[in-house]
Amino acid sequence: MAESRTYQWWQREDLGYRENELHFAGRKVAALAKQLGTPSFVYSAQRVKANLERIQQALVSAGLESTSSLYYAMKANRFAPLLTFLKQTGLCGIDACSPAEVEHAVSCGFAPTDISFTATSLSNADFDLLARYDGVFMDCDSIHAIHSWGKRKPGTSIGIRVNPAVGVGRASNDKLQYAGSVTTKFGIYQEQFEEALAVAHSYGLTVSKIHFHTGCGYLTPQLAHWESVLETCLWFIETAGSVTRVNVGGGLGVPHLETDTPLDLDQWAGILYKHFGTRGLHVEVEPGDYVAKDAGLLLLGKTFVEQKRDKLFVGVDAGFNIAPEPAYYALPFQPVPLNYSGEPCQATHVVGHINEALDVWYENAILPDLTAHDHLVLINAGAYSSSMASNHCMRGQFKEFLLF
């Protein structure tokens, strides 16, 4: 049944309808689709900068102005023009999780000293390459990693990634949790921590940082639980004794649904100050989602509109393989028409062109009749989309553009 819809929940100053036409980053999206073609990712440089500044301001307001650092999690989006722009802002360093990411960050202007490295299951070849980049700070996530780094860089400072056995994610989505009741590969648990410190000491390594990242996409309702994660991690800091910095990972989420509310950054930063700022610890944060996700759109061409039994389907010219989060993590990307004048809407299934059952962009999206439309866009496509793309079914072609 058709219903009235205003699409108001996701609109903001730089994304929304102006005289019934969708605008993004000061451009008409219909003009972008016509000029750039589909499928194309378009990113707003100014939105990325504003997101970083918003986090930074919250940390400053909480009392962490001179004792906090931001490291952009480049696995969220590694588009070279975006990384170069981030370097030019001077607002952040890089959180890297593979040797190739380190090389890519350096090629985009970041110095090795701008890079904090945390990864898992590294090979000898990985460690050899990383050791060539003097200044990259290594957070070791296993006793094996401490041994491997100690052999190559004895007498240096390291971080230890810990696993507090509790995690937090968006709306209790266990697919987004790195720690919890299920034992994971990430970090060193309490029962092995004393051994980890002894191994570090045997190589003359100073454990100056504790690192933890326990989940992704959390919003304000999850902050109380997130605070309990921080409290659990205090044991590692106190046990290590030599810690001057704490890296709380990323995981800051953005709204995906009308029922979501933006993360209360002031409350979030206040919790950081309460537990770490009052102890004189330097706080590092590794946002990826929060920085890039809502700064990107995926422009799509419509392929068909057809009723199948009790469902209305709209097809588009790209599949889950170029932006897998809806399929992998049940994080929906809201479909948005390029023109909307208040006409009645109806539940619509938006699907891609991959021959797999999970190639569904959004079930029961409330959309107007798209018969006369040529395009759709997906919002929140700026992070963990193009960076996770594959060539499944040889349908991996897409383009990327950075808008200023």
Protein backbone atom coordinates (compact mmCIF):
# COMPACT_ATOMS: atom_id res chain seq x y z
CA MET A 1 0.00 0.00 0.00
CA ALA A 2 1.30 3.44 -0.90
CA GLU A 3 2.14 5.87 1.91
CA SER A 4 3.45 9.39 2.25
CA ARG A 5 7.14 9.80 3.04
CA THR A 6 9.41 12.81 3.45
CA TYR A 7 12.86 11.15 3.67
CA GLN A 8 13.82 13.56 6.39
CA TRP A 9 15.92 11.42 8.70
CA TRP A 10 19.13 11.41 6.63
CA GLN A 11 18.94 14.95 5.27
CA ARG A 12 21.44 17.55 6.40
CA GLU A 13 22.93 20.79 5.09
CA ASP A 14 25.15 19.14 2.47
CA LEU A 15 22.84 16.21 1.57
CA GLY A 16 19.16 16.60 0.80
CA TYR A 17 16.46 17.78 -1.59
CA ARG A 18 16.51 21.32 -2.92
CA GLU A 19 13.45 22.12 -5.02
CA ASN A 20 12.78 18.36 -5.29
CA GLU A 21 16.29 17.57 -6.61
CA LEU A 22 18.86 15.67 -4.55
CA HIS A 23 22.00 17.68 -3.78
CA PHE A 24 25.28 16.43 -2.29
CA ALA A 25 28.42 18.43 -1.53
CA GLY A 26 27.00 21.43 -3.37
CA ARG A 27 26.23 19.46 -6.54
CA LYS A 28 23.07 18.17 -8.16
CA VAL A 29 23.34 14.41 -7.90
CA ALA A 30 21.50 13.90 -11.20
CA ALA A 31 24.20 15.92 -12.93
CA LEU A 32 26.90 13.85 -11.22
CA ALA A 33 25.27 10.60 -12.36
CA LYS A 34 25.02 11.87 -15.93
CA GLN A 35 28.61 13.10 -16.01
CA LEU A 36 30.36 10.33 -14.08
CA GLY A 37 28.28 7.29 -15.03
CA THR A 38 27.41 4.34 -12.84
CA PRO A 39 28.31 2.62 -10.66
CA SER A 40 30.40 5.40 -9.13
CA PHE A 41 31.38 6.28 -5.59
CA VAL A 42 31.50 10.01 -4.88
CA TYR A 43 33.03 11.38 -1.69
CA SER A 44 32.76 14.82 -0.12
CA ALA A 45 36.12 16.11 1.05
CA GLN A 46 34.48 18.78 3.18
CA ARG A 47 32.23 16.27 4.94
CA VAL A 48 35.26 14.12 5.75
CA LYS A 49 37.04 17.14 7.21
CA ALA A 50 33.96 18.22 9.17
CA ASN A 51 33.63 14.74 10.66
CA LEU A 52 37.25 14.79 11.82
CA GLU A 53 36.86 18.27 13.24
CA ARG A 54 33.74 17.22 15.13
CA ILE A 55 35.62 14.38 16.86
CA GLN A 56 38.57 16.64 17.58
CA GLN A 57 36.36 19.33 19.09
CA ALA A 58 34.63 16.82 21.35
CA LEU A 59 38.03 15.65 22.64
CA VAL A 60 39.12 19.25 23.22
CA SER A 61 35.90 20.09 25.06
CA ALA A 62 36.38 17.05 27.30
CA GLY A 63 39.82 18.25 28.36
CA LEU A 64 41.92 16.10 26.01
CA GLU A 65 43.15 18.90 23.73
CA SER A 66 46.86 18.20 24.16
CA THR A 67 46.57 14.54 25.11
CA SER A 68 44.73 12.95 22.21
CA SER A 69 45.48 11.94 18.62
CA LEU A 70 43.36 10.77 15.70
CA TYR A 71 44.47 8.01 13.33
CA TYR A 72 42.21 7.45 10.35
CA ALA A 73 41.51 3.72 9.84
CA MET A 74 42.42 3.54 6.17
CA LYS A 75 40.91 0.08 5.72
CA ALA A 76 37.60 1.98 5.67
CA ASN A 77 38.51 3.75 2.43
CA ARG A 78 41.97 3.82 0.84
CA PHE A 79 41.15 6.01 -2.20
CA ALA A 80 44.46 7.81 -2.83
CA PRO A 81 43.02 11.32 -3.40
CA LEU A 82 41.09 10.98 -0.12
CA LEU A 83 44.22 9.96 1.79
CA THR A 84 46.23 12.79 0.27
CA PHE A 85 43.50 15.22 1.30
CA LEU A 86 43.54 13.84 4.84
CA LYS A 87 47.29 14.40 5.03
CA GLN A 88 46.81 17.99 3.88
CA THR A 89 44.27 18.69 6.63
CA GLY A 90 46.84 17.86 9.30
CA LEU A 91 44.03 16.51 11.47
CA CYS A 92 45.03 12.86 11.65
CA GLY A 93 47.59 10.16 11.15
CA ILE A 94 46.93 6.71 9.72
CA ASP A 95 45.84 3.48 11.35
CA ALA A 96 47.21 0.75 9.07
CA CYS A 97 46.63 -2.98 9.27
CA SER A 98 48.82 -4.42 6.50
CA PRO A 99 52.29 -3.70 5.09
CA ALA A 100 50.72 -2.65 1.79
CA GLU A 101 48.61 -0.09 3.64
CA VAL A 102 51.77 1.37 5.16
CA GLU A 103 53.35 1.68 1.72
CA HIS A 104 50.17 3.21 0.31
CA ALA A 105 49.93 5.74 3.15
CA VAL A 106 53.53 6.79 2.61
CA SER A 107 52.88 7.16 -1.13
CA CYS A 108 50.04 9.57 -0.26
CA GLY A 109 52.28 11.81 1.82
CA PHE A 110 52.17 10.37 5.33
CA ALA A 111 55.47 9.87 7.12
CA PRO A 112 56.14 6.55 8.87
CA THR A 113 55.91 8.46 12.17
CA ASP A 114 52.32 9.34 11.26
CA ILE A 115 51.35 5.66 11.18
CA SER A 116 50.09 3.41 13.96
CA PHE A 117 50.12 -0.24 12.90
CA THR A 118 47.89 -2.99 14.24
CA ALA A 119 47.32 -6.27 12.46
CA THR A 120 46.99 -9.99 13.01
CA SER A 121 48.61 -13.19 11.72
CA LEU A 122 51.61 -11.43 10.18
CA SER A 123 54.22 -13.42 8.25
CA ASN A 124 58.00 -13.08 8.45
CA ALA A 125 57.89 -11.21 5.15
CA ASP A 126 55.34 -8.81 6.65
CA PHE A 127 57.55 -8.09 9.65
CA ASP A 128 60.63 -7.65 7.46
CA LEU A 129 58.88 -5.04 5.32
CA LEU A 130 57.45 -3.17 8.30
CA ALA A 131 60.82 -3.06 10.03
CA ARG A 132 62.20 -1.05 7.12
CA TYR A 133 59.86 1.84 7.95
CA ASP A 134 61.53 3.46 10.94
CA GLY A 135 58.95 5.37 12.94
CA VAL A 136 55.91 3.17 12.33
CA PHE A 137 54.54 2.33 15.76
CA MET A 138 53.81 -1.37 16.20
CA ASP A 139 50.91 -2.64 18.29
CA CYS A 140 51.50 -6.37 18.80
CA ASP A 141 48.37 -8.48 18.97
CA SER A 142 49.96 -11.79 19.99
CA ILE A 143 52.97 -13.21 21.80
CA HIS A 144 54.19 -14.40 18.40
CA ALA A 145 54.11 -10.79 17.18
CA ILE A 146 56.11 -9.59 20.21
CA HIS A 147 58.79 -12.20 19.52
CA SER A 148 58.87 -11.33 15.81
CA TRP A 149 59.11 -7.57 16.37
CA GLY A 150 61.56 -7.91 19.23
CA LYS A 151 63.98 -9.84 17.02
CA ARG A 152 63.88 -7.08 14.42
CA LYS A 153 63.53 -3.98 16.62
CA PRO A 154 64.96 -4.76 20.06
CA GLY A 155 65.05 -1.91 22.55
CA THR A 156 62.15 -0.01 20.99
CA SER A 157 58.69 0.91 22.28
CA ILE A 158 55.63 -1.14 21.37
CA GLY A 159 51.96 -1.32 22.09
CA ILE A 160 50.13 -4.48 23.07
CA ARG A 161 46.71 -5.11 21.66
CA VAL A 162 44.62 -6.71 24.37
CA ASN A 163 41.35 -8.58 24.37
CA PRO A 164 39.18 -7.78 27.40
CA ALA A 165 36.74 -10.59 26.51
CA VAL A 166 33.90 -8.07 26.28
CA GLY A 167 32.90 -6.19 23.17
CA VAL A 168 30.48 -3.63 21.85
CA GLY A 169 28.86 -3.14 18.46
CA ARG A 170 25.94 -1.50 16.77
CA ALA A 171 22.64 -2.66 18.35
CA SER A 172 24.25 -5.84 19.73
CA ASN A 173 25.19 -6.96 16.21
CA ASP A 174 27.63 -9.78 17.02
CA LYS A 175 28.97 -9.69 13.44
CA LEU A 176 30.57 -6.36 14.36
CA GLN A 177 32.22 -7.47 17.61
CA TYR A 178 35.92 -8.27 17.90
CA ALA A 179 35.73 -9.44 21.51
CA GLY A 180 33.14 -11.10 23.69
CA SER A 181 32.11 -14.48 25.03
CA VAL A 182 33.49 -16.21 21.92
CA THR A 183 37.28 -16.43 21.88
CA THR A 184 38.68 -14.53 18.88
CA LYS A 185 42.08 -14.11 17.22
CA PHE A 186 42.29 -10.46 18.25
CA GLY A 187 44.65 -9.40 21.02
CA ILE A 188 46.10 -10.92 24.16
CA TYR A 189 43.82 -12.09 26.96
CA GLN A 190 44.38 -11.49 30.67
CA GLU A 191 45.69 -15.00 31.33
CA GLN A 192 48.53 -14.52 28.81
CA PHE A 193 49.33 -10.91 29.56
CA GLU A 194 52.07 -11.54 32.12
CA GLU A 195 53.81 -13.82 29.62
CA ALA A 196 53.48 -11.13 26.95
CA LEU A 197 55.15 -8.57 29.23
CA ALA A 198 57.97 -11.00 30.00
CA VAL A 199 58.61 -11.66 26.32
CA ALA A 200 58.67 -7.93 25.62
CA HIS A 201 61.14 -7.42 28.49
CA SER A 202 63.42 -10.14 27.10
CA TYR A 203 63.95 -8.05 23.96
CA GLY A 204 64.30 -4.78 25.81
CA LEU A 205 60.94 -3.62 24.47
CA THR A 206 59.08 -0.97 26.43
CA VAL A 207 55.31 -1.47 26.50
CA SER A 208 54.24 2.16 26.31
CA LYS A 209 50.76 1.66 24.86
CA ILE A 210 47.73 -0.55 25.42
CA HIS A 211 45.51 -0.97 22.36
CA PHE A 212 42.05 -2.46 22.13
CA HIS A 213 39.32 -2.46 19.50
CA THR A 214 36.32 -4.51 20.51
CA GLY A 215 33.56 -3.68 18.05
CA CYS A 216 32.13 -1.42 15.37
CA GLY A 217 29.23 0.90 14.68
CA TYR A 218 28.24 1.74 18.23
CA LEU A 219 25.89 4.68 18.84
CA THR A 220 24.72 6.51 21.95
CA PRO A 221 22.60 3.62 23.36
CA GLN A 222 25.74 1.47 23.44
CA LEU A 223 27.93 3.99 25.30
CA ALA A 224 27.18 2.60 28.74
CA HIS A 225 28.33 -0.84 27.63
CA TRP A 226 31.32 0.68 25.84
CA GLU A 227 32.30 2.35 29.11
CA SER A 228 32.30 -1.03 30.82
CA VAL A 229 34.75 -2.24 28.15
CA LEU A 230 37.07 0.66 29.01
CA GLU A 231 36.85 -0.20 32.69
CA THR A 232 37.87 -3.78 31.97
CA CYS A 233 40.89 -2.57 30.01
CA LEU A 234 42.20 -0.56 32.96
CA TRP A 235 43.55 -3.81 34.42
CA PHE A 236 45.95 -4.19 31.49
CA ILE A 237 47.14 -0.58 31.82
CA GLU A 238 47.78 -0.93 35.55
CA THR A 239 49.48 -4.31 35.16
CA ALA A 240 51.83 -3.14 32.40
CA GLY A 241 53.04 -0.25 34.56
CA SER A 242 54.94 1.61 31.82
CA VAL A 243 51.96 2.71 29.74
CA THR A 244 51.73 6.35 28.68
CA ARG A 245 49.24 5.96 25.82
CA VAL A 246 46.01 4.09 25.29
CA ASN A 247 44.51 3.38 21.87
CA VAL A 248 40.77 2.78 22.09
CA GLY A 249 40.42 1.69 18.46
CA GLY A 250 37.60 2.93 16.30
CA GLY A 251 34.02 1.74 16.06
CA LEU A 252 32.25 5.11 16.26
CA GLY A 253 29.05 4.59 14.28
CA VAL A 254 26.74 6.66 12.09
CA PRO A 255 22.96 6.34 11.67
CA HIS A 256 21.81 3.77 9.11
CA LEU A 257 18.09 3.79 9.91
CA GLU A 258 15.44 6.37 10.69
CA THR A 259 15.31 5.02 14.25
CA ASP A 260 19.06 5.68 14.79
CA THR A 261 20.30 8.83 16.48
CA PRO A 262 23.77 10.28 15.91
CA LEU A 263 26.49 9.31 18.35
CA ASP A 264 26.72 11.79 21.24
CA LEU A 265 30.38 12.72 20.83
CA ASP A 266 30.47 14.89 23.94
CA GLN A 267 29.28 11.98 26.09
CA TRP A 268 31.73 9.66 24.33
CA ALA A 269 34.68 12.02 24.87
CA GLY A 270 33.67 12.60 28.48
CA ILE A 271 33.91 8.87 29.13
CA LEU A 272 37.41 8.84 27.64
CA TYR A 273 38.53 11.69 29.87
CA LYS A 274 36.98 10.11 32.95
CA HIS A 275 38.94 6.88 32.57
CA PHE A 276 42.15 7.94 30.83
CA GLY A 277 42.50 11.71 30.89
CA THR A 278 42.39 11.81 34.67
CA ARG A 279 45.26 9.28 34.69
CA GLY A 280 47.44 11.45 32.47
CA LEU A 281 47.30 9.01 29.57
CA HIS A 282 47.47 10.13 25.96
CA VAL A 283 44.36 8.86 24.14
CA GLU A 284 44.50 7.61 20.55
CA VAL A 285 41.34 7.04 18.48
CA GLU A 286 41.10 5.24 15.13
CA PRO A 287 37.84 6.30 13.45
CA GLY A 288 37.10 5.01 9.97
CA ASP A 289 33.34 4.66 9.71
CA TYR A 290 32.64 7.97 11.41
CA VAL A 291 35.09 9.86 9.21
CA ALA A 292 34.22 8.49 5.78
CA LYS A 293 30.94 6.59 5.77
CA ASP A 294 28.37 9.38 5.55
CA ALA A 295 30.74 11.35 3.29
CA GLY A 296 30.12 8.98 0.38
CA LEU A 297 27.34 8.05 -2.04
CA LEU A 298 27.13 5.18 -4.49
CA LEU A 299 25.54 6.30 -7.76
CA LEU A 300 23.56 3.51 -9.43
CA GLY A 301 21.68 3.07 -12.67
CA LYS A 302 18.22 1.53 -12.55
CA THR A 303 17.86 -1.65 -14.61
CA PHE A 304 14.23 -2.71 -14.09
CA VAL A 305 11.05 -2.32 -12.03
CA GLU A 306 8.87 -5.40 -11.70
CA GLN A 307 6.25 -6.89 -9.41
CA LYS A 308 6.96 -10.52 -8.44
CA ARG A 309 4.13 -12.02 -6.44
CA ASP A 310 3.66 -9.78 -3.40
CA LYS A 311 6.94 -7.88 -3.76
CA LEU A 312 7.98 -4.93 -5.90
CA PHE A 313 11.58 -5.16 -7.12
CA VAL A 314 13.85 -2.45 -8.45
CA GLY A 315 17.11 -3.58 -10.00
CA VAL A 316 20.33 -1.57 -10.22
CA ASP A 317 23.58 -1.93 -12.14
CA ALA A 318 25.81 -2.94 -9.21
CA GLY A 319 25.80 -5.76 -6.71
CA PHE A 320 26.79 -6.47 -3.13
CA ASN A 321 30.34 -7.31 -4.21
CA ILE A 322 31.34 -3.66 -4.62
CA ALA A 323 29.90 -2.55 -1.26
CA PRO A 324 29.46 -5.68 0.88
CA GLU A 325 28.38 -4.31 4.26
CA PRO A 326 24.63 -4.95 3.81
CA ALA A 327 25.37 -8.57 2.87
CA TYR A 328 28.18 -9.23 5.34
CA TYR A 329 27.12 -7.24 8.39
CA ALA A 330 23.41 -6.48 7.90
CA LEU A 331 24.18 -2.75 7.75
CA PRO A 332 21.66 -1.30 5.30
CA PHE A 333 22.46 1.48 2.83
CA GLN A 334 19.35 3.63 2.47
CA PRO A 335 18.33 3.91 -1.23
CA VAL A 336 17.40 7.45 -2.25
CA PRO A 337 15.78 8.69 -5.48
CA LEU A 338 17.42 11.61 -7.25
CA ASN A 339 14.13 13.47 -7.48
CA TYR A 340 11.27 13.54 -5.01
CA SER A 341 8.31 15.89 -4.78
CA GLY A 342 6.28 14.28 -2.01
CA GLU A 343 4.44 11.65 -4.04
CA PRO A 344 3.17 8.48 -2.29
CA CYS A 345 5.71 5.74 -1.60
CA GLN A 346 5.62 1.99 -1.23
CA ALA A 347 7.75 -0.85 0.08
CA THR A 348 10.34 -1.76 -2.54
CA HIS A 349 13.09 -4.37 -2.67
CA VAL A 350 16.27 -2.89 -4.18
CA VAL A 351 18.46 -5.61 -5.67
CA GLY A 352 21.70 -5.87 -7.63
CA HIS A 353 22.91 -7.76 -10.67
CA ILE A 354 24.91 -10.55 -9.00
CA ASN A 355 23.65 -14.12 -9.30
CA GLU A 356 23.62 -14.73 -5.54
CA ALA A 357 20.72 -14.84 -3.09
CA LEU A 358 22.34 -12.31 -0.76
CA ASP A 359 22.53 -9.65 -3.48
CA VAL A 360 19.86 -7.48 -1.87
CA TRP A 361 20.67 -3.85 -1.15
CA TYR A 362 17.58 -3.07 0.91
CA GLU A 363 14.39 -4.93 1.72
CA ASN A 364 11.17 -2.94 1.97
CA ALA A 365 12.74 0.43 1.28
CA ILE A 366 10.01 3.07 1.27
CA LEU A 367 10.37 4.63 -2.18
CA PRO A 368 8.20 6.44 -4.73
CA ASP A 369 7.33 4.86 -8.07
CA LEU A 370 10.68 4.60 -9.87
CA THR A 371 9.34 3.62 -13.29
CA ALA A 372 10.32 6.96 -14.80
CA HIS A 373 13.62 7.24 -12.90
CA ASP A 374 17.01 6.38 -14.37
CA HIS A 375 19.09 6.36 -11.20
CA LEU A 376 19.20 5.68 -7.47
CA VAL A 377 21.86 6.45 -4.89
CA LEU A 378 22.86 4.61 -1.74
CA ILE A 379 23.90 6.82 1.16
CA ASN A 380 26.53 5.87 3.78
CA ALA A 381 28.69 4.30 1.07
CA GLY A 382 31.89 6.14 1.94
CA ALA A 383 33.45 3.48 4.19
CA TYR A 384 33.89 -0.29 4.00
CA SER A 385 32.46 -0.29 0.50
CA SER A 386 34.95 0.22 -2.32
CA SER A 387 37.77 -0.90 0.00
CA MET A 388 36.07 -4.31 0.41
CA ALA A 389 35.02 -4.75 -3.21
CA SER A 390 35.64 -7.92 -5.21
CA ASN A 391 35.30 -8.97 -8.84
CA HIS A 392 32.72 -11.64 -8.11
CA CYS A 393 30.90 -12.70 -11.30
CA MET A 394 33.41 -10.37 -13.05
CA ARG A 395 31.12 -7.52 -11.97
CA GLY A 396 33.68 -5.59 -9.95
CA GLN A 397 33.94 -2.47 -12.11
CA PHE A 398 33.28 0.91 -10.48
CA LYS A 399 34.73 4.43 -10.40
CA GLU A 400 35.60 6.78 -7.54
CA PHE A 401 35.62 10.57 -7.33
CA LEU A 402 36.50 13.06 -4.61
CA LEU A 403 34.40 16.24 -4.59
CA PHE A 404 35.74 19.52 -3.22
